[in-house]
């Protein structure tokens, strides 16, 4: 056994539990990678399903993705020529940016690489297929891959997958730090959807004994973590958030995002377009559920725009306003459907900085519930909204190193709790 592998496995539990971890997250918004250096410790209280913990953040770094890399990654969200070769090159490019983020973080904080237990590197999701597509045709086509299993079982086994581009071996080599990666596929192997994975972290960090809380992540996709007063937790993706907003803004203004939602606020919601978009079957499917850019992309939006007559009557800002409304409505409707009395919503992700979107979500929640709901940034709970997801993967790396589960079966529909991730020693 190599010395570095033996050292990892023989490290005392307190060192693994109390040490520094780096979390890396590059989400579906494709704006870059966020890196957080953090360590965790217990806090008072207990909830069902896990310990309550507190976080100490030493630093946060962001490395933006350049236009060519963003375009490359967007192309890989759909089938194309020579995609295996292009995916391998993209993994190397991503690992380079990830290493830059880790090195910047260590330089900023003065924490040496030797003092970091591990990096939790999520990777870049380019495909997410948690269920078999194509119904009977897909099942028949997949049957030849597993000829000795029942037809439906084999389709479920080989027809579901999730792909996060990453080169954790290269990252470990460049940083001199162990890397934990490939978090989602173990949950999927256990029958889950591989997403969302952050509810367990939200419960540990934001859960309150005797008090229900809700966490809304507004990244490329919007997802909920609903934690009741006993700590029982569920989570799901409600639908698109920044992915459509940013893409439409980039095309029509040349800006990567709509700062504070000011452009959307200048437009008018087109109710016919909103109603058309709301017919998407995903919005009406029960939780647990997860989605991604495979479904909610510019092709999806364009298809709905083309169903409108006359489509050209919509100004770009009207479409942007309608996309904000789509996110606000789907977020609010799913909350009302599954909430258990939570009236405090902590929002993280880039959407937390979109003032107009936050206002629309709060208004729709109040309209549907008949009472106000406190919608606020997770900064009020002690962690900046731009840091939450990266911190989650620092925590998930720690869970893996400690041999503890990282998923919530009620959120992913897995058969049970599982230790997530694969370890690449330094």
Protein backbone atom coordinates (compact mmCIF):
# COMPACT_ATOMS: atom_id res chain seq x y z
CA UNK A 1 0.00 0.00 0.00
CA UNK A 2 1.44 3.44 -0.88
CA UNK A 3 2.57 5.50 2.11
CA UNK A 4 0.12 8.35 1.45
CA UNK A 5 -2.83 5.92 1.33
CA UNK A 6 -1.71 4.26 4.57
CA UNK A 7 -1.37 7.66 6.24
CA UNK A 8 -4.90 8.65 5.30
CA UNK A 9 -6.41 5.44 6.58
CA UNK A 10 -4.46 5.51 9.84
CA UNK A 11 -5.09 9.17 10.69
CA UNK A 12 -6.78 9.56 14.09
CA UNK A 13 -10.48 10.39 13.99
CA UNK A 14 -10.10 13.71 15.89
CA UNK A 15 -7.63 14.92 13.26
CA UNK A 16 -10.05 14.01 10.48
CA UNK A 17 -13.03 15.52 12.30
CA UNK A 18 -11.43 18.76 13.47
CA UNK A 19 -9.09 19.51 10.57
CA UNK A 20 -9.38 21.95 7.69
CA UNK A 21 -11.25 21.00 4.53
CA UNK A 22 -11.58 22.75 1.18
CA UNK A 23 -14.90 22.60 -0.63
CA UNK A 24 -15.08 23.30 -4.37
CA UNK A 25 -18.30 23.96 -6.23
CA UNK A 26 -18.83 24.94 -9.84
CA UNK A 27 -22.55 24.91 -10.48
CA UNK A 28 -24.86 24.92 -13.45
CA UNK A 29 -24.64 28.72 -13.68
CA UNK A 30 -21.10 28.16 -15.10
CA UNK A 31 -19.77 31.42 -13.68
CA UNK A 32 -16.70 29.80 -12.13
CA UNK A 33 -15.62 27.77 -9.13
CA UNK A 34 -16.10 28.79 -5.51
CA UNK A 35 -13.64 27.51 -2.93
CA UNK A 36 -14.17 27.59 0.82
CA UNK A 37 -11.67 26.59 3.51
CA UNK A 38 -13.53 25.51 6.62
CA UNK A 39 -13.56 23.30 9.66
CA UNK A 40 -16.47 22.01 11.68
CA UNK A 41 -17.28 21.34 15.32
CA UNK A 42 -20.34 20.16 17.27
CA UNK A 43 -22.92 22.60 18.61
CA UNK A 44 -25.58 22.15 21.25
CA UNK A 45 -28.76 20.31 20.42
CA UNK A 46 -29.63 17.27 18.38
CA UNK A 47 -32.01 16.48 15.57
CA UNK A 48 -33.22 13.28 14.00
CA UNK A 49 -30.83 11.92 11.39
CA UNK A 50 -27.64 13.74 12.30
CA UNK A 51 -25.55 15.97 14.52
CA UNK A 52 -25.82 19.73 14.68
CA UNK A 53 -22.56 21.42 13.79
CA UNK A 54 -21.05 24.85 13.45
CA UNK A 55 -18.63 26.06 10.82
CA UNK A 56 -15.51 28.19 10.94
CA UNK A 57 -14.70 29.66 7.54
CA UNK A 58 -11.08 30.71 7.13
CA UNK A 59 -11.52 32.05 3.61
CA UNK A 60 -13.37 32.05 0.31
CA UNK A 61 -11.96 32.32 -3.20
CA UNK A 62 -13.60 32.48 -6.60
CA UNK A 63 -11.94 31.64 -9.91
CA UNK A 64 -14.10 32.66 -12.90
CA UNK A 65 -14.46 30.53 -15.99
CA UNK A 66 -13.44 32.21 -19.24
CA UNK A 67 -15.85 32.46 -22.17
CA UNK A 68 -14.28 29.65 -24.24
CA UNK A 69 -14.45 27.19 -21.33
CA UNK A 70 -18.06 28.15 -20.61
CA UNK A 71 -18.98 27.60 -24.26
CA UNK A 72 -17.16 24.26 -24.24
CA UNK A 73 -19.05 23.10 -21.13
CA UNK A 74 -22.40 24.23 -22.52
CA UNK A 75 -21.78 22.19 -25.67
CA UNK A 76 -21.17 19.11 -23.52
CA UNK A 77 -24.64 19.42 -22.02
CA UNK A 78 -25.98 17.90 -25.24
CA UNK A 79 -24.77 15.04 -27.46
CA UNK A 80 -22.21 16.07 -30.04
CA UNK A 81 -19.30 14.92 -32.17
CA UNK A 82 -16.15 13.65 -30.44
CA UNK A 83 -17.65 14.39 -27.04
CA UNK A 84 -15.52 11.87 -25.11
CA UNK A 85 -12.34 13.62 -26.26
CA UNK A 86 -13.81 17.06 -25.54
CA UNK A 87 -15.03 15.94 -22.11
CA UNK A 88 -11.56 14.66 -21.18
CA UNK A 89 -9.97 17.97 -22.17
CA UNK A 90 -12.65 19.86 -20.23
CA UNK A 91 -11.89 17.78 -17.14
CA UNK A 92 -8.24 18.77 -17.33
CA UNK A 93 -9.13 22.44 -17.79
CA UNK A 94 -11.52 22.31 -14.84
CA UNK A 95 -8.96 20.63 -12.59
CA UNK A 96 -6.52 23.41 -13.47
CA UNK A 97 -9.04 26.06 -12.34
CA UNK A 98 -9.82 24.05 -9.23
CA UNK A 99 -6.12 23.89 -8.34
CA UNK A 100 -5.83 27.65 -8.84
CA UNK A 101 -8.74 28.16 -6.44
CA UNK A 102 -7.20 25.92 -3.78
CA UNK A 103 -3.80 27.56 -4.08
CA UNK A 104 -5.35 31.04 -3.91
CA UNK A 105 -7.26 30.01 -0.81
CA UNK A 106 -4.17 28.67 0.96
CA UNK A 107 -2.22 31.82 0.06
CA UNK A 108 -5.05 34.05 1.26
CA UNK A 109 -5.49 32.29 4.61
CA UNK A 110 -1.94 31.23 5.37
CA UNK A 111 -3.09 27.64 5.89
CA UNK A 112 -0.54 25.27 4.36
CA UNK A 113 -1.61 22.44 2.07
CA UNK A 114 -0.13 19.99 4.59
CA UNK A 115 -2.68 21.22 7.15
CA UNK A 116 -5.69 20.52 4.92
CA UNK A 117 -7.20 17.06 5.40
CA UNK A 118 -8.94 16.87 2.03
CA UNK A 119 -10.57 18.74 -0.82
CA UNK A 120 -14.21 18.02 -1.61
CA UNK A 121 -14.43 18.55 -5.38
CA UNK A 122 -17.92 18.22 -6.80
CA UNK A 123 -16.95 18.64 -10.46
CA UNK A 124 -19.01 20.15 -13.26
CA UNK A 125 -22.34 18.52 -14.02
CA UNK A 126 -22.91 18.19 -17.76
CA UNK A 127 -25.50 15.40 -17.80
CA UNK A 128 -28.00 14.34 -15.17
CA UNK A 129 -30.44 11.57 -16.05
CA UNK A 130 -31.95 10.28 -12.81
CA UNK A 131 -34.68 8.31 -14.59
CA UNK A 132 -34.95 6.35 -17.83
CA UNK A 133 -36.04 8.40 -20.81
CA UNK A 134 -37.95 7.06 -23.77
CA UNK A 135 -40.33 4.78 -21.84
CA UNK A 136 -40.85 1.39 -23.52
CA UNK A 137 -38.43 2.10 -26.35
CA UNK A 138 -35.63 2.94 -23.95
CA UNK A 139 -36.28 -0.15 -21.85
CA UNK A 140 -36.20 -2.39 -24.92
CA UNK A 141 -32.98 -0.80 -26.19
CA UNK A 142 -31.28 -1.19 -22.81
CA UNK A 143 -32.34 -4.80 -22.31
CA UNK A 144 -29.46 -6.08 -24.43
CA UNK A 145 -26.94 -4.59 -21.99
CA UNK A 146 -28.13 -6.75 -19.09
CA UNK A 147 -29.69 -9.85 -20.71
CA UNK A 148 -29.98 -11.86 -17.48
CA UNK A 149 -32.05 -9.38 -15.48
CA UNK A 150 -35.71 -8.49 -15.53
CA UNK A 151 -36.42 -5.97 -18.30
CA UNK A 152 -37.60 -3.13 -16.07
CA UNK A 153 -34.87 -3.73 -13.49
CA UNK A 154 -32.09 -3.71 -16.06
CA UNK A 155 -33.38 -0.48 -17.61
CA UNK A 156 -33.31 1.18 -14.22
CA UNK A 157 -29.82 -0.18 -13.59
CA UNK A 158 -28.18 0.94 -16.82
CA UNK A 159 -30.43 3.76 -18.01
CA UNK A 160 -29.78 6.19 -15.16
CA UNK A 161 -26.62 8.20 -14.75
CA UNK A 162 -25.07 11.48 -13.72
CA UNK A 163 -21.84 12.96 -15.08
CA UNK A 164 -19.66 15.45 -13.24
CA UNK A 165 -16.53 16.39 -15.17
CA UNK A 166 -13.48 16.37 -12.94
CA UNK A 167 -9.90 15.12 -12.78
CA UNK A 168 -9.42 14.51 -9.06
CA UNK A 169 -6.16 12.61 -9.54
CA UNK A 170 -4.65 15.62 -11.33
CA UNK A 171 -6.02 17.94 -8.64
CA UNK A 172 -4.48 15.86 -5.85
CA UNK A 173 -1.15 15.80 -7.68
CA UNK A 174 -1.12 19.57 -8.24
CA UNK A 175 -2.18 20.59 -4.73
CA UNK A 176 -0.57 17.89 -2.61
CA UNK A 177 -3.92 17.43 -0.84
CA UNK A 178 -6.17 14.37 -0.81
CA UNK A 179 -9.30 14.81 -2.93
CA UNK A 180 -12.77 13.40 -2.37
CA UNK A 181 -14.84 13.36 -5.57
CA UNK A 182 -17.62 11.48 -7.38
CA UNK A 183 -20.19 12.12 -4.66
CA UNK A 184 -23.38 11.52 -6.59
CA UNK A 185 -23.02 8.09 -8.13
CA UNK A 186 -23.07 6.10 -4.88
CA UNK A 187 -26.48 7.53 -4.03
CA UNK A 188 -27.65 6.71 -7.55
CA UNK A 189 -26.29 3.17 -7.22
CA UNK A 190 -28.47 2.84 -4.13
CA UNK A 191 -31.56 3.70 -6.16
CA UNK A 192 -31.44 7.44 -5.53
CA UNK A 193 -31.36 10.32 -7.98
CA UNK A 194 -27.92 11.49 -6.91
CA UNK A 195 -29.40 14.89 -6.07
CA UNK A 196 -29.91 17.03 -4.16
CA UNK A 197 -26.97 16.25 -1.87
CA UNK A 198 -26.87 19.40 0.26
CA UNK A 199 -29.89 18.75 2.55
CA UNK A 200 -27.78 16.74 5.05
CA UNK A 201 -25.37 19.66 5.32
CA UNK A 202 -28.21 22.16 5.62
CA UNK A 203 -29.66 20.08 8.47
CA UNK A 204 -26.31 19.88 10.27
CA UNK A 205 -25.53 23.57 9.91
CA UNK A 206 -28.91 25.32 9.96
CA UNK A 207 -31.15 22.81 11.75
CA UNK A 208 -32.62 23.89 15.07
CA UNK A 209 -33.91 21.54 17.74
CA UNK A 210 -37.63 22.23 18.09
CA UNK A 211 -37.76 24.69 15.19
CA UNK A 212 -38.41 24.02 11.51
CA UNK A 213 -36.33 25.83 8.90
CA UNK A 214 -36.18 25.88 5.11
CA UNK A 215 -33.15 26.46 2.90
CA UNK A 216 -33.56 27.52 -0.72
CA UNK A 217 -30.58 27.31 -3.04
CA UNK A 218 -30.95 29.56 -6.07
CA UNK A 219 -28.14 28.35 -8.28
CA UNK A 220 -28.58 27.37 -11.89
CA UNK A 221 -31.38 25.15 -10.61
CA UNK A 222 -33.54 25.99 -7.58
CA UNK A 223 -33.66 23.39 -4.83
CA UNK A 224 -35.26 23.15 -1.42
CA UNK A 225 -34.13 21.61 1.87
CA UNK A 226 -37.08 21.41 4.27
CA UNK A 227 -36.11 20.55 7.85
CA UNK A 228 -38.88 20.10 10.40
CA UNK A 229 -38.68 20.76 14.14
CA UNK A 230 -37.49 17.20 14.80
CA UNK A 231 -34.84 17.28 12.11
CA UNK A 232 -36.65 15.16 9.56
CA UNK A 233 -35.44 16.43 6.21
CA UNK A 234 -36.56 16.31 2.64
CA UNK A 235 -35.20 18.03 -0.43
CA UNK A 236 -35.82 18.39 -4.14
CA UNK A 237 -35.21 20.54 -7.20
CA UNK A 238 -38.18 22.80 -7.91
CA UNK A 239 -37.04 23.89 -11.39
CA UNK A 240 -34.88 26.48 -13.14
CA UNK A 241 -33.38 29.51 -11.44
CA UNK A 242 -30.29 31.29 -12.74
CA UNK A 243 -29.64 28.98 -15.68
CA UNK A 244 -32.37 30.49 -17.88
CA UNK A 245 -32.10 33.98 -16.40
CA UNK A 246 -28.36 34.21 -17.02
CA UNK A 247 -28.49 32.66 -20.48
CA UNK A 248 -31.23 35.01 -21.68
CA UNK A 249 -29.45 38.01 -20.16
CA UNK A 250 -26.16 37.07 -21.84
CA UNK A 251 -27.79 36.77 -25.26
CA UNK A 252 -29.73 40.04 -25.10
CA UNK A 253 -27.56 42.36 -23.00
CA UNK A 254 -24.08 40.88 -23.29
CA UNK A 255 -23.91 40.72 -19.48
CA UNK A 256 -23.38 37.41 -17.64
CA UNK A 257 -26.28 38.07 -15.25
CA UNK A 258 -29.02 40.56 -14.45
CA UNK A 259 -27.59 42.53 -11.52
CA UNK A 260 -30.15 42.69 -8.71
CA UNK A 261 -32.83 41.74 -11.25
CA UNK A 262 -33.08 45.34 -12.44
CA UNK A 263 -33.52 44.39 -16.10
CA UNK A 264 -36.26 41.90 -15.28
CA UNK A 265 -37.99 44.48 -13.10
CA UNK A 266 -38.18 46.82 -16.10
CA UNK A 267 -40.23 44.27 -18.06
CA UNK A 268 -43.76 42.93 -17.77
CA UNK A 269 -44.70 39.34 -17.03
CA UNK A 270 -46.30 37.70 -20.07
CA UNK A 271 -49.01 35.53 -18.58
CA UNK A 272 -49.57 33.46 -21.73
CA UNK A 273 -45.88 32.58 -21.91
CA UNK A 274 -45.79 31.82 -18.19
CA UNK A 275 -48.80 29.52 -18.50
CA UNK A 276 -47.17 27.76 -21.45
CA UNK A 277 -43.94 27.19 -19.50
CA UNK A 278 -45.89 25.96 -16.47
CA UNK A 279 -47.20 23.05 -18.54
CA UNK A 280 -43.78 21.42 -18.27
CA UNK A 281 -44.44 17.96 -16.71
CA UNK A 282 -41.48 18.28 -14.34
CA UNK A 283 -43.27 21.01 -12.38
CA UNK A 284 -46.15 18.66 -11.63
CA UNK A 285 -44.10 15.57 -10.76
CA UNK A 286 -43.98 14.63 -7.07
CA UNK A 287 -40.87 14.96 -4.93
CA UNK A 288 -38.23 13.66 -4.51
CA UNK A 289 -37.08 14.83 -7.91
CA UNK A 290 -34.03 16.42 -9.50
CA UNK A 291 -33.24 18.08 -12.79
CA UNK A 292 -30.58 20.06 -14.62
CA UNK A 293 -29.48 21.67 -17.85
CA UNK A 294 -30.41 18.51 -19.75
CA UNK A 295 -33.99 19.78 -19.50
CA UNK A 296 -33.96 23.47 -18.62
CA UNK A 297 -31.83 25.13 -21.27
CA UNK A 298 -32.20 27.68 -24.05
CA UNK A 299 -33.65 25.06 -26.39
CA UNK A 300 -36.41 24.44 -23.85
CA UNK A 301 -37.13 28.17 -23.60
CA UNK A 302 -37.03 28.66 -27.36
CA UNK A 303 -39.52 25.84 -27.87
CA UNK A 304 -41.99 27.57 -25.54
CA UNK A 305 -41.41 30.95 -27.15
CA UNK A 306 -42.16 29.50 -30.58
CA UNK A 307 -45.54 28.28 -29.33
CA UNK A 308 -46.58 31.87 -28.64
CA UNK A 309 -48.34 33.88 -31.35
CA UNK A 310 -46.88 36.30 -32.14
CA UNK A 311 -43.64 35.39 -30.36
CA UNK A 312 -41.91 38.53 -31.65
CA UNK A 313 -44.30 40.68 -29.59
CA UNK A 314 -42.30 39.91 -26.45
CA UNK A 315 -39.51 42.30 -25.62
CA UNK A 316 -36.37 40.69 -24.15
CA UNK A 317 -37.03 42.31 -20.78
CA UNK A 318 -40.58 40.93 -20.79
CA UNK A 319 -39.18 37.43 -21.25
CA UNK A 320 -36.70 38.05 -18.43
CA UNK A 321 -39.51 39.21 -16.15
CA UNK A 322 -41.49 36.10 -17.07
CA UNK A 323 -38.53 33.84 -16.30
CA UNK A 324 -38.21 35.43 -12.86
CA UNK A 325 -41.90 34.80 -12.34
CA UNK A 326 -41.50 31.18 -13.46
CA UNK A 327 -38.83 30.60 -10.84
CA UNK A 328 -40.78 32.42 -8.13
CA UNK A 329 -44.02 30.56 -8.85
CA UNK A 330 -42.47 27.09 -9.02
CA UNK A 331 -40.38 27.72 -5.91
CA UNK A 332 -43.43 28.93 -3.98
CA UNK A 333 -45.78 26.21 -5.18
CA UNK A 334 -43.43 23.39 -4.24
CA UNK A 335 -42.76 24.93 -0.84
CA UNK A 336 -46.46 25.19 -0.07
CA UNK A 337 -46.99 21.60 -1.21
CA UNK A 338 -44.33 20.10 1.08
CA UNK A 339 -43.75 22.60 3.90
CA UNK A 340 -44.32 21.53 7.50
CA UNK A 341 -44.89 24.88 9.10
CA UNK A 342 -41.51 26.42 8.29
CA UNK A 343 -41.79 30.20 8.12
CA UNK A 344 -38.12 31.11 7.88
CA UNK A 345 -36.43 30.64 4.50
CA UNK A 346 -32.67 31.08 4.22
CA UNK A 347 -31.61 31.64 0.62
CA UNK A 348 -28.19 30.79 -0.78
CA UNK A 349 -26.63 30.72 -4.24
CA UNK A 350 -26.27 33.55 -6.70
CA UNK A 351 -30.01 34.15 -6.78
CA UNK A 352 -29.85 35.43 -3.20
CA UNK A 353 -28.33 38.62 -4.66
CA UNK A 354 -31.19 39.07 -7.14
CA UNK A 355 -33.33 41.54 -5.21
CA UNK A 356 -36.25 41.36 -7.62
CA UNK A 357 -36.34 37.55 -7.59
CA UNK A 358 -36.23 37.48 -3.78
CA UNK A 359 -39.14 39.94 -3.64
CA UNK A 360 -41.22 37.89 -6.08
CA UNK A 361 -40.60 34.68 -4.12
CA UNK A 362 -41.63 36.34 -0.85
CA UNK A 363 -44.78 37.76 -2.47
CA UNK A 364 -45.83 34.43 -3.95
CA UNK A 365 -45.23 32.62 -0.66
CA UNK A 366 -47.36 35.15 1.20
CA UNK A 367 -50.07 34.96 -1.46
CA UNK A 368 -50.27 31.16 -1.31
CA UNK A 369 -49.94 30.80 2.47
CA UNK A 370 -51.97 33.82 3.50
CA UNK A 371 -49.25 35.00 5.88
CA UNK A 372 -45.77 36.51 5.58
CA UNK A 373 -42.72 34.28 5.28
CA UNK A 374 -39.28 35.59 6.23
CA UNK A 375 -37.19 35.21 3.06
CA UNK A 376 -33.60 36.22 3.74
CA UNK A 377 -29.99 35.48 2.89
CA UNK A 378 -28.24 32.67 4.76
CA UNK A 379 -25.82 35.39 5.88
CA UNK A 380 -28.34 36.02 8.67
CA UNK A 381 -27.54 32.46 9.82
CA UNK A 382 -23.80 33.08 9.68
CA UNK A 383 -22.76 31.84 6.24
CA UNK A 384 -22.68 33.94 3.07
CA UNK A 385 -24.95 32.72 0.27
CA UNK A 386 -22.03 32.46 -2.15
CA UNK A 387 -20.21 30.13 0.27
CA UNK A 388 -22.90 27.62 1.21
CA UNK A 389 -22.59 25.06 -1.59
CA UNK A 390 -18.79 25.00 -1.55
CA UNK A 391 -18.90 24.63 2.24
CA UNK A 392 -21.33 21.74 1.76
CA UNK A 393 -18.76 19.82 -0.26
CA UNK A 394 -16.08 20.51 2.34
CA UNK A 395 -18.48 18.94 4.84
CA UNK A 396 -19.33 16.03 2.53
CA UNK A 397 -15.61 15.35 2.08
CA UNK A 398 -15.28 15.24 5.86
CA UNK A 399 -18.23 12.86 6.10
CA UNK A 400 -16.51 10.56 3.61
CA UNK A 401 -13.18 10.67 5.45
CA UNK A 402 -14.99 9.82 8.70
CA UNK A 403 -17.00 7.02 7.08
CA UNK A 404 -20.30 8.81 7.73
CA UNK A 405 -23.29 9.10 5.37
CA UNK A 406 -23.80 12.21 3.28
CA UNK A 407 -27.17 11.69 1.64
CA UNK A 408 -30.75 12.09 2.85
CA UNK A 409 -32.88 9.25 1.42
CA UNK A 410 -36.04 11.36 1.69
CA UNK A 411 -34.39 13.88 -0.64
CA UNK A 412 -32.83 11.53 -3.19
CA UNK A 413 -35.11 8.47 -2.87
CA UNK A 414 -32.12 6.20 -2.20
CA UNK A 415 -32.69 2.91 -0.38
CA UNK A 416 -30.78 4.21 2.62
CA UNK A 417 -27.99 6.39 3.89
CA UNK A 418 -24.65 5.96 2.15
CA UNK A 419 -21.08 7.19 2.51
CA UNK A 420 -20.55 9.34 -0.58
CA UNK A 421 -17.40 9.97 -2.56
CA UNK A 422 -14.17 8.35 -3.71
CA UNK A 423 -10.82 9.27 -2.14
CA UNK A 424 -7.78 10.22 -4.21
CA UNK A 425 -4.79 10.40 -1.83
CA UNK A 426 -2.30 13.25 -2.11
